[in-house]
Amino acid sequence: MQTEESRDNSPPWRSSHTAASPDGLVVAAIEQAFEHSMGNPTMGTLRTSNGLELPKCNPAFIWSSDSRYLAVPQWCRRFGLFRRQRLAIVDAVDRVVYVSPFTHWLLQPAAFERGRLEVLVSDWRGISWPWKDRPLILEVPSILSTFGMLNGVDDQAGRRAATE
């Protein structure tokens, strides 16, 4: 695992991050992430060694213990104005990307063991406040039925990897 940390050594502000799946078969990386606006968390394009690309992702991603799923915060607009994060879950086997119906100012996947994904969630007041006391717990893959399938994810061969 290779990571370049930022000034405050916190995953949402990383300028890059690379992580191999636990079985070592797939590597995920964001090679260059930039602040989405001055002093704010970063975003870049997530690329996997098996050819998927997902733009506007935060380098605070984590693999599931079984190497099938990758949980990554993805920036999106809320009401067309505010940048928020939704949770994207990449199914590395079926080559599909699921996105959460919920958004928060900031998300940070913290643990992903035996299908149990633990995500730190920012305070409702914004990113300058501490994380909520209780993390969000998601059971994967059962929660994916409530997520949407992301449209427009390309693999490096130019084929659509996920459709809505």
Protein backbone atom coordinates (compact mmCIF):
# COMPACT_ATOMS: atom_id res chain seq x y z
CA MET A 1 0.00 0.00 0.00
CA GLN A 2 1.39 3.39 -0.99
CA THR A 3 -0.06 6.71 0.09
CA GLU A 4 1.12 10.30 0.01
CA GLU A 5 -0.47 12.17 2.90
CA SER A 6 -1.37 15.83 3.05
CA ARG A 7 -0.65 18.51 5.60
CA ASP A 8 -2.95 17.08 8.24
CA ASN A 9 -2.31 13.39 7.45
CA SER A 10 -6.01 12.66 6.98
CA PRO A 11 -7.40 10.39 4.21
CA PRO A 12 -9.95 12.90 2.80
CA TRP A 13 -7.09 15.37 2.13
CA ARG A 14 -4.68 12.89 0.52
CA SER A 15 -3.06 13.91 -2.74
CA SER A 16 -2.76 10.27 -3.84
CA HIS A 17 -3.56 6.76 -2.65
CA THR A 18 -2.90 3.26 -3.98
CA ALA A 19 -4.20 0.03 -2.45
CA ALA A 20 -4.11 -3.58 -3.64
CA SER A 21 -7.08 -5.82 -2.96
CA PRO A 22 -6.39 -8.26 -0.10
CA ASP A 23 -5.96 -11.12 -2.59
CA GLY A 24 -3.50 -8.99 -4.56
CA LEU A 25 -5.31 -9.39 -7.90
CA VAL A 26 -6.56 -5.80 -8.41
CA VAL A 27 -4.90 -2.50 -7.57
CA ALA A 28 -6.91 0.70 -7.14
CA ALA A 29 -5.25 4.10 -7.34
CA ILE A 30 -5.87 7.80 -7.44
CA GLU A 31 -2.53 9.13 -8.61
CA GLN A 32 -3.25 12.85 -8.47
CA ALA A 33 -5.97 14.34 -6.34
CA PHE A 34 -6.57 18.06 -6.04
CA GLU A 35 -8.54 20.15 -3.56
CA HIS A 36 -12.00 20.71 -5.01
CA SER A 37 -11.71 24.26 -3.64
CA MET A 38 -9.10 25.96 -1.48
CA GLY A 39 -8.40 24.09 1.75
CA ASN A 40 -11.08 21.46 1.14
CA PRO A 41 -10.79 17.68 0.68
CA THR A 42 -9.41 16.30 -2.55
CA MET A 43 -10.74 14.50 -5.59
CA GLY A 44 -9.26 12.65 -8.54
CA THR A 45 -9.94 9.78 -10.92
CA LEU A 46 -9.99 6.31 -9.41
CA ARG A 47 -8.40 3.76 -11.74
CA THR A 48 -8.24 0.02 -11.19
CA SER A 49 -5.71 -2.37 -12.70
CA ASN A 50 -8.59 -4.32 -14.28
CA GLY A 51 -9.55 -1.24 -16.29
CA LEU A 52 -12.32 0.67 -14.51
CA GLU A 53 -12.20 4.46 -14.16
CA LEU A 54 -14.40 6.53 -11.88
CA PRO A 55 -14.01 10.35 -11.80
CA LYS A 56 -14.46 12.78 -8.89
CA CYS A 57 -13.44 10.30 -6.19
CA ASN A 58 -11.85 11.01 -2.83
CA PRO A 59 -8.66 9.07 -1.99
CA ALA A 60 -10.20 7.72 1.23
CA PHE A 61 -11.14 4.35 -0.32
CA ILE A 62 -10.97 0.86 1.18
CA TRP A 63 -11.20 -2.74 -0.10
CA SER A 64 -13.52 -5.36 1.37
CA SER A 65 -11.78 -8.24 3.13
CA ASP A 66 -12.94 -10.65 0.38
CA SER A 67 -11.46 -8.40 -2.38
CA ARG A 68 -14.76 -8.16 -4.23
CA TYR A 69 -15.82 -4.61 -3.33
CA LEU A 70 -14.12 -1.25 -3.15
CA ALA A 71 -15.84 1.52 -1.16
CA VAL A 72 -14.95 5.04 -2.29
CA PRO A 73 -16.47 8.47 -1.55
CA GLN A 74 -17.44 10.25 -4.78
CA TRP A 75 -18.13 13.96 -5.09
CA CYS A 76 -21.46 15.04 -6.55
CA ARG A 77 -23.58 18.18 -6.54
CA ARG A 78 -26.61 18.58 -4.30
CA PHE A 79 -29.30 20.94 -5.57
CA GLY A 80 -26.82 21.79 -8.34
CA LEU A 81 -24.82 23.96 -5.94
CA PHE A 82 -23.24 22.19 -3.00
CA ARG A 83 -20.47 19.63 -3.32
CA ARG A 84 -21.29 16.62 -1.20
CA GLN A 85 -20.12 13.04 -1.13
CA ARG A 86 -22.06 9.92 -1.91
CA LEU A 87 -20.69 6.45 -1.37
CA ALA A 88 -19.72 4.50 -4.47
CA ILE A 89 -19.20 0.76 -4.15
CA VAL A 90 -17.30 -0.85 -7.00
CA ASP A 91 -18.03 -4.53 -7.58
CA ALA A 92 -14.67 -5.65 -8.99
CA VAL A 93 -16.06 -9.04 -10.06
CA ASP A 94 -19.21 -7.94 -11.91
CA ARG A 95 -17.59 -4.63 -12.96
CA VAL A 96 -20.55 -2.57 -11.75
CA VAL A 97 -20.57 0.63 -9.68
CA TYR A 98 -23.33 1.26 -7.14
CA VAL A 99 -23.96 4.72 -5.67
CA SER A 100 -25.73 5.58 -2.44
CA PRO A 101 -29.02 7.45 -2.34
CA PHE A 102 -27.63 9.51 0.57
CA THR A 103 -25.04 12.29 0.57
CA HIS A 104 -22.99 13.91 3.32
CA TRP A 105 -20.41 16.68 3.49
CA LEU A 106 -17.72 14.07 4.00
CA LEU A 107 -17.52 10.27 4.17
CA GLN A 108 -14.57 8.12 5.16
CA PRO A 109 -14.73 4.32 4.85
CA ALA A 110 -12.95 3.04 7.95
CA ALA A 111 -13.35 -0.77 7.93
CA PHE A 112 -14.75 -3.36 5.51
CA GLU A 113 -14.67 -6.84 7.05
CA ARG A 114 -16.89 -9.84 6.20
CA GLY A 115 -19.47 -7.68 4.41
CA ARG A 116 -19.73 -5.07 7.16
CA LEU A 117 -18.72 -1.61 5.92
CA GLU A 118 -18.11 1.04 8.56
CA VAL A 119 -18.13 4.64 7.31
CA LEU A 120 -17.30 7.77 9.29
CA VAL A 121 -19.79 10.54 8.54
CA SER A 122 -19.23 14.27 8.91
CA ASP A 123 -21.32 16.38 11.20
CA TRP A 124 -24.37 17.96 9.51
CA ARG A 125 -22.75 21.38 9.98
CA GLY A 126 -19.88 20.59 7.60
CA ILE A 127 -16.32 19.33 7.27
CA SER A 128 -14.84 21.65 9.91
CA TRP A 129 -16.69 19.82 12.68
CA PRO A 130 -15.73 16.46 14.21
CA TRP A 131 -17.05 13.16 12.80
CA LYS A 132 -20.40 11.99 14.12
CA ASP A 133 -20.04 9.86 17.24
CA ARG A 134 -21.50 6.77 15.60
CA PRO A 135 -20.30 5.51 12.22
CA LEU A 136 -22.67 4.45 9.48
CA ILE A 137 -22.78 0.63 9.26
CA LEU A 138 -23.74 -0.97 5.93
CA GLU A 139 -24.13 -4.66 5.16
CA VAL A 140 -22.75 -5.40 1.69
CA PRO A 141 -24.03 -6.80 -0.65
CA SER A 142 -27.59 -6.63 0.80
CA ILE A 143 -27.57 -2.80 1.00
CA LEU A 144 -26.75 -2.54 -2.72
CA SER A 145 -30.40 -3.15 -3.63
CA THR A 146 -31.14 0.33 -2.24
CA PHE A 147 -28.29 1.94 -4.22
CA GLY A 148 -28.45 3.08 -7.84
CA MET A 149 -26.22 1.71 -10.57
CA LEU A 150 -23.94 4.40 -11.90
CA ASN A 151 -24.26 5.23 -15.57
CA GLY A 152 -21.25 6.30 -17.60
CA VAL A 153 -18.38 4.38 -16.03
CA ASP A 154 -15.93 3.38 -18.74
CA ASP A 155 -13.34 0.70 -18.75
CA GLN A 156 -10.03 1.42 -20.46
CA ALA A 157 -11.21 -0.33 -23.64
CA GLY A 158 -14.00 2.26 -23.93
CA ARG A 159 -16.87 -0.11 -23.11
CA ARG A 160 -19.59 0.87 -20.67
CA ALA A 161 -18.92 -0.93 -17.39
CA ALA A 162 -22.14 0.06 -15.65
CA THR A 163 -25.53 1.21 -16.84
CA GLU A 164 -28.56 2.63 -15.14
